[in-house]
């Protein structure tokens, strides 16, 4: 499975054939996680509306929530102006982070908001 040819030409894949995917909750725009997509992962995501990513550690595709039940129903996928990052707007069910946190950005605040 491969992404539509007209889209593949616009995506700037890195040297490993991957593109960065920033994942946000579709209604609140809360950033949930960052993952990587291969051509096949993006094609499957666009076809099924199930968030599918490339695991760099396991070297395989994974559907978010396939084993944990913490699924991501995809509402929209956007390509940034440079073609090197995707914005994936999802409806997150359960935790987005592998640690069990709602978002991967809950743990460390390096610069708190003013006030």
N, C-alpha and C. Protein backbone atom coordinates (compact mmCIF):
# COMPACT_ATOMS: atom_id res chain seq x y z
N UNK A 1 0.85 -1.17 0.00
CA UNK A 1 0.00 0.00 0.00
C UNK A 1 0.90 1.23 0.00
N UNK A 2 0.51 2.21 -0.81
CA UNK A 2 1.30 3.42 -0.93
C UNK A 2 0.38 4.62 -1.00
N UNK A 3 0.89 5.76 -0.57
CA UNK A 3 0.14 7.00 -0.60
C UNK A 3 -0.12 7.40 -2.06
N UNK A 4 -1.17 8.16 -2.28
CA UNK A 4 -1.49 8.66 -3.62
C UNK A 4 -0.26 9.34 -4.21
N UNK A 5 0.07 9.06 -5.46
CA UNK A 5 1.29 9.62 -6.07
C UNK A 5 1.41 11.13 -5.94
N UNK A 6 0.31 11.86 -6.09
CA UNK A 6 0.39 13.32 -6.00
C UNK A 6 0.75 13.79 -4.59
N UNK A 7 0.41 13.01 -3.58
CA UNK A 7 0.76 13.36 -2.21
C UNK A 7 2.19 12.94 -1.90
N UNK A 8 2.59 11.78 -2.36
CA UNK A 8 3.94 11.29 -2.11
C UNK A 8 4.98 12.28 -2.61
N UNK A 9 4.73 12.90 -3.73
CA UNK A 9 5.66 13.88 -4.27
C UNK A 9 5.77 15.14 -3.44
N UNK A 10 4.78 15.40 -2.61
CA UNK A 10 4.78 16.60 -1.77
C UNK A 10 5.38 16.35 -0.39
N UNK A 11 5.37 15.10 0.06
CA UNK A 11 5.92 14.78 1.38
C UNK A 11 7.43 14.66 1.27
N UNK A 12 8.14 15.34 2.17
CA UNK A 12 9.60 15.25 2.20
C UNK A 12 9.99 14.21 3.25
N UNK A 13 10.19 12.99 2.79
CA UNK A 13 10.57 11.89 3.67
C UNK A 13 12.01 12.09 4.11
N UNK A 14 12.34 11.71 5.35
CA UNK A 14 13.73 11.82 5.80
C UNK A 14 14.56 10.68 5.21
N UNK A 15 15.81 10.61 5.59
CA UNK A 15 16.73 9.60 5.03
C UNK A 15 16.26 8.17 5.31
N UNK A 16 15.47 7.99 6.37
CA UNK A 16 14.94 6.67 6.72
C UNK A 16 13.59 6.40 6.07
N UNK A 17 13.12 7.33 5.23
CA UNK A 17 11.82 7.14 4.56
C UNK A 17 10.65 7.44 5.47
N UNK A 18 10.85 8.30 6.46
CA UNK A 18 9.81 8.63 7.43
C UNK A 18 9.51 10.12 7.42
N UNK A 19 8.33 10.45 7.92
CA UNK A 19 7.95 11.85 8.12
C UNK A 19 7.40 11.98 9.54
N UNK A 20 7.72 13.09 10.18
CA UNK A 20 7.27 13.35 11.55
C UNK A 20 5.77 13.64 11.57
N UNK A 21 5.08 13.10 12.55
CA UNK A 21 3.64 13.33 12.71
C UNK A 21 3.37 13.88 14.11
N UNK A 22 2.89 15.11 14.16
CA UNK A 22 2.46 15.72 15.42
C UNK A 22 0.98 15.39 15.57
N UNK A 23 0.62 14.83 16.72
CA UNK A 23 -0.75 14.35 16.91
C UNK A 23 -1.45 15.22 17.94
N UNK A 24 -2.62 15.76 17.54
CA UNK A 24 -3.41 16.62 18.42
C UNK A 24 -4.82 16.09 18.56
N UNK A 25 -5.42 16.35 19.72
CA UNK A 25 -6.84 16.10 19.92
C UNK A 25 -7.60 17.06 19.00
N UNK A 26 -8.52 16.54 18.21
CA UNK A 26 -9.14 17.35 17.15
C UNK A 26 -9.95 18.53 17.66
N UNK A 27 -10.61 18.39 18.83
CA UNK A 27 -11.50 19.46 19.28
C UNK A 27 -10.83 20.47 20.20
N UNK A 28 -9.86 20.03 20.99
CA UNK A 28 -9.20 20.95 21.93
C UNK A 28 -7.85 21.43 21.43
N UNK A 29 -7.31 20.76 20.43
CA UNK A 29 -5.98 21.02 19.85
C UNK A 29 -4.84 20.74 20.84
N UNK A 30 -5.13 20.00 21.90
CA UNK A 30 -4.08 19.59 22.84
C UNK A 30 -3.11 18.66 22.11
N UNK A 31 -1.81 18.93 22.23
CA UNK A 31 -0.80 18.07 21.61
C UNK A 31 -0.70 16.80 22.45
N UNK A 32 -0.89 15.67 21.81
CA UNK A 32 -0.90 14.38 22.50
C UNK A 32 0.43 13.65 22.41
N UNK A 33 1.02 13.64 21.23
CA UNK A 33 2.23 12.85 21.02
C UNK A 33 2.87 13.24 19.69
N UNK A 34 4.07 12.75 19.49
CA UNK A 34 4.78 12.86 18.22
C UNK A 34 5.18 11.44 17.83
N UNK A 35 4.97 11.12 16.57
CA UNK A 35 5.32 9.78 16.08
C UNK A 35 5.88 9.92 14.68
N UNK A 36 6.19 8.80 14.06
CA UNK A 36 6.74 8.78 12.71
C UNK A 36 5.85 7.95 11.82
N UNK A 37 5.73 8.37 10.56
CA UNK A 37 4.96 7.62 9.58
C UNK A 37 5.84 7.31 8.37
N UNK A 38 5.70 6.10 7.89
CA UNK A 38 6.28 5.71 6.61
C UNK A 38 5.22 5.97 5.54
N UNK A 39 5.57 5.78 4.30
CA UNK A 39 4.62 5.90 3.20
C UNK A 39 3.42 4.98 3.44
N UNK A 40 3.70 3.74 3.83
CA UNK A 40 2.61 2.78 4.06
C UNK A 40 1.76 3.18 5.27
N UNK A 41 2.38 3.66 6.34
CA UNK A 41 1.63 4.09 7.52
C UNK A 41 0.69 5.23 7.17
N UNK A 42 1.19 6.19 6.40
CA UNK A 42 0.35 7.32 5.99
C UNK A 42 -0.79 6.84 5.10
N UNK A 43 -0.49 5.97 4.15
CA UNK A 43 -1.53 5.45 3.26
C UNK A 43 -2.62 4.73 4.05
N UNK A 44 -2.23 3.90 5.01
CA UNK A 44 -3.21 3.17 5.82
C UNK A 44 -4.04 4.12 6.66
N UNK A 45 -3.38 5.14 7.22
CA UNK A 45 -4.10 6.13 8.02
C UNK A 45 -5.15 6.84 7.17
N UNK A 46 -4.77 7.26 5.97
CA UNK A 46 -5.70 7.96 5.09
C UNK A 46 -6.84 7.06 4.64
N UNK A 47 -6.55 5.79 4.43
CA UNK A 47 -7.57 4.86 3.96
C UNK A 47 -8.54 4.43 5.07
N UNK A 48 -8.01 4.15 6.26
CA UNK A 48 -8.82 3.56 7.33
C UNK A 48 -9.29 4.55 8.39
N UNK A 49 -8.65 5.72 8.47
CA UNK A 49 -8.88 6.71 9.53
C UNK A 49 -8.52 6.16 10.91
N UNK A 50 -7.71 5.10 10.95
CA UNK A 50 -7.10 4.61 12.19
C UNK A 50 -5.65 5.06 12.17
N UNK A 51 -5.21 5.74 13.23
CA UNK A 51 -3.84 6.25 13.26
C UNK A 51 -2.85 5.09 13.21
N UNK A 52 -2.04 5.08 12.17
CA UNK A 52 -1.06 4.03 11.96
C UNK A 52 0.31 4.68 11.83
N UNK A 53 1.28 4.17 12.56
CA UNK A 53 2.61 4.77 12.63
C UNK A 53 3.68 3.72 12.34
N UNK A 54 4.92 4.19 12.21
CA UNK A 54 6.07 3.32 12.03
C UNK A 54 6.85 3.33 13.34
N UNK A 55 7.04 2.17 13.92
CA UNK A 55 7.84 2.03 15.14
C UNK A 55 9.31 1.92 14.75
N UNK A 56 10.08 2.93 15.11
CA UNK A 56 11.51 2.90 14.80
C UNK A 56 12.23 1.85 15.63
N UNK A 57 11.77 1.60 16.86
CA UNK A 57 12.44 0.61 17.70
C UNK A 57 12.14 -0.82 17.27
N UNK A 58 10.91 -1.08 16.86
CA UNK A 58 10.52 -2.43 16.44
C UNK A 58 10.62 -2.64 14.94
N UNK A 59 10.81 -1.54 14.20
CA UNK A 59 10.91 -1.61 12.74
C UNK A 59 9.67 -2.26 12.12
N UNK A 60 8.48 -1.78 12.56
CA UNK A 60 7.24 -2.31 12.02
C UNK A 60 6.12 -1.29 12.17
N UNK A 61 5.06 -1.49 11.38
CA UNK A 61 3.88 -0.65 11.50
C UNK A 61 3.15 -0.96 12.79
N UNK A 62 2.51 0.05 13.37
CA UNK A 62 1.64 -0.19 14.52
C UNK A 62 0.43 0.73 14.45
N UNK A 63 -0.72 0.15 14.73
CA UNK A 63 -1.96 0.91 14.80
C UNK A 63 -2.14 1.32 16.25
N UNK A 64 -2.25 2.62 16.47
CA UNK A 64 -2.38 3.13 17.83
C UNK A 64 -3.60 2.51 18.50
N UNK A 65 -3.36 1.85 19.62
CA UNK A 65 -4.43 1.25 20.40
C UNK A 65 -4.76 -0.19 20.05
N UNK A 66 -4.05 -0.77 19.08
CA UNK A 66 -4.36 -2.15 18.68
C UNK A 66 -4.20 -3.12 19.84
N UNK A 67 -3.23 -2.88 20.71
CA UNK A 67 -3.04 -3.78 21.86
C UNK A 67 -3.52 -3.15 23.16
N UNK A 68 -3.42 -1.82 23.28
CA UNK A 68 -3.79 -1.15 24.54
C UNK A 68 -5.25 -0.77 24.62
N UNK A 69 -5.90 -0.63 23.46
CA UNK A 69 -7.27 -0.14 23.43
C UNK A 69 -7.35 1.38 23.44
N UNK A 70 -6.21 2.05 23.52
CA UNK A 70 -6.15 3.52 23.54
C UNK A 70 -6.05 4.02 22.10
N UNK A 71 -7.17 4.04 21.43
CA UNK A 71 -7.22 4.28 20.00
C UNK A 71 -7.23 5.75 19.62
N UNK A 72 -6.91 6.00 18.36
CA UNK A 72 -6.98 7.34 17.79
C UNK A 72 -7.78 7.26 16.49
N UNK A 73 -9.00 7.82 16.51
CA UNK A 73 -9.80 7.93 15.30
C UNK A 73 -9.38 9.22 14.61
N UNK A 74 -8.94 9.11 13.38
CA UNK A 74 -8.39 10.25 12.66
C UNK A 74 -9.51 11.09 12.05
N UNK A 75 -9.50 12.38 12.39
CA UNK A 75 -10.46 13.32 11.83
C UNK A 75 -9.90 14.03 10.61
N UNK A 76 -8.60 14.36 10.67
CA UNK A 76 -8.01 15.15 9.59
C UNK A 76 -6.50 14.95 9.62
N UNK A 77 -5.87 15.01 8.44
CA UNK A 77 -4.42 14.98 8.33
C UNK A 77 -4.01 16.17 7.47
N UNK A 78 -3.06 16.95 7.97
CA UNK A 78 -2.56 18.13 7.24
C UNK A 78 -1.06 17.99 7.03
N UNK A 79 -0.60 18.52 5.91
CA UNK A 79 0.82 18.55 5.59
C UNK A 79 1.30 19.98 5.77
N UNK A 80 2.42 20.18 6.46
CA UNK A 80 2.91 21.54 6.68
C UNK A 80 3.48 22.14 5.39
N UNK A 81 3.79 23.43 5.44
CA UNK A 81 4.20 24.18 4.25
C UNK A 81 5.50 23.65 3.64
N UNK A 82 6.37 23.05 4.44
CA UNK A 82 7.63 22.50 3.94
C UNK A 82 7.50 21.04 3.50
N UNK A 83 6.40 20.41 3.83
CA UNK A 83 6.19 19.02 3.45
C UNK A 83 6.93 18.02 4.32
N UNK A 84 7.51 18.49 5.45
CA UNK A 84 8.30 17.57 6.27
C UNK A 84 7.66 17.22 7.61
N UNK A 85 6.44 17.66 7.84
CA UNK A 85 5.74 17.33 9.08
C UNK A 85 4.24 17.21 8.79
N UNK A 86 3.64 16.21 9.40
CA UNK A 86 2.20 16.03 9.32
C UNK A 86 1.56 16.47 10.62
N UNK A 87 0.37 17.01 10.54
CA UNK A 87 -0.46 17.29 11.71
C UNK A 87 -1.63 16.33 11.62
N UNK A 88 -1.76 15.47 12.63
CA UNK A 88 -2.80 14.45 12.63
C UNK A 88 -3.78 14.81 13.75
N UNK A 89 -4.99 15.16 13.35
CA UNK A 89 -6.03 15.52 14.32
C UNK A 89 -6.88 14.29 14.59
N UNK A 90 -6.92 13.89 15.87
CA UNK A 90 -7.55 12.62 16.24
C UNK A 90 -8.55 12.81 17.38
N UNK A 91 -9.37 11.80 17.56
CA UNK A 91 -10.19 11.68 18.76
C UNK A 91 -9.54 10.57 19.57
N UNK A 92 -8.81 10.97 20.60
CA UNK A 92 -8.05 10.03 21.45
C UNK A 92 -8.98 9.36 22.44
N UNK A 93 -8.93 8.05 22.50
CA UNK A 93 -9.65 7.28 23.52
C UNK A 93 -8.62 6.68 24.46
N UNK A 94 -8.62 7.07 25.72
CA UNK A 94 -7.64 6.58 26.68
C UNK A 94 -6.36 7.38 26.58
N UNK A 95 -5.29 6.80 27.08
CA UNK A 95 -3.99 7.48 27.14
C UNK A 95 -3.32 7.51 25.77
N UNK A 96 -2.70 8.64 25.45
CA UNK A 96 -1.93 8.72 24.20
C UNK A 96 -0.50 8.26 24.42
N UNK A 97 0.03 8.47 25.62
CA UNK A 97 1.43 8.16 25.91
C UNK A 97 1.61 6.70 26.34
N UNK A 98 2.73 6.12 25.96
CA UNK A 98 3.02 4.73 26.34
C UNK A 98 3.20 4.57 27.85
N UNK A 99 3.39 5.70 28.57
CA UNK A 99 3.53 5.64 30.03
C UNK A 99 2.18 5.56 30.73
N UNK A 100 1.10 5.74 29.96
CA UNK A 100 -0.23 5.73 30.54
C UNK A 100 -0.78 7.12 30.79
N UNK A 101 0.02 8.16 30.52
CA UNK A 101 -0.45 9.53 30.67
C UNK A 101 -1.34 9.89 29.48
N UNK A 102 -2.21 10.86 29.71
CA UNK A 102 -3.12 11.32 28.66
C UNK A 102 -2.34 11.84 27.45
N UNK A 103 -1.27 12.59 27.70
CA UNK A 103 -0.44 13.14 26.65
C UNK A 103 1.02 12.87 26.97
N UNK A 104 1.84 12.81 25.97
CA UNK A 104 3.28 12.61 26.18
C UNK A 104 3.95 13.86 26.73
N UNK A 105 3.20 14.95 26.82
CA UNK A 105 3.77 16.22 27.26
C UNK A 105 3.27 16.63 28.64
N UNK A 106 2.90 15.66 29.48
CA UNK A 106 2.44 15.92 30.85
C UNK A 106 3.57 16.02 31.86
N UNK A 107 4.69 15.39 31.59
CA UNK A 107 5.70 15.16 32.62
C UNK A 107 6.55 16.36 33.02
N UNK A 108 7.21 16.98 32.09
CA UNK A 108 8.20 18.01 32.42
C UNK A 108 7.85 19.35 31.77
N UNK A 109 7.65 20.35 32.61
CA UNK A 109 7.43 21.71 32.12
C UNK A 109 8.76 22.43 32.27
N UNK A 110 9.38 22.76 31.15
CA UNK A 110 10.70 23.40 31.16
C UNK A 110 10.60 24.91 31.33
N UNK A 111 9.52 25.49 30.84
CA UNK A 111 9.30 26.92 30.98
C UNK A 111 7.81 27.11 31.23
N UNK A 112 7.45 27.36 32.49
CA UNK A 112 6.01 27.53 32.81
C UNK A 112 5.44 28.79 32.14
N UNK A 113 4.15 28.74 31.93
CA UNK A 113 3.46 29.91 31.39
C UNK A 113 3.57 31.06 32.38
N UNK A 114 3.69 32.29 31.89
CA UNK A 114 3.79 33.44 32.80
C UNK A 114 2.53 33.61 33.63
N UNK A 115 2.75 34.15 34.83
CA UNK A 115 1.61 34.44 35.72
C UNK A 115 1.29 33.32 36.57
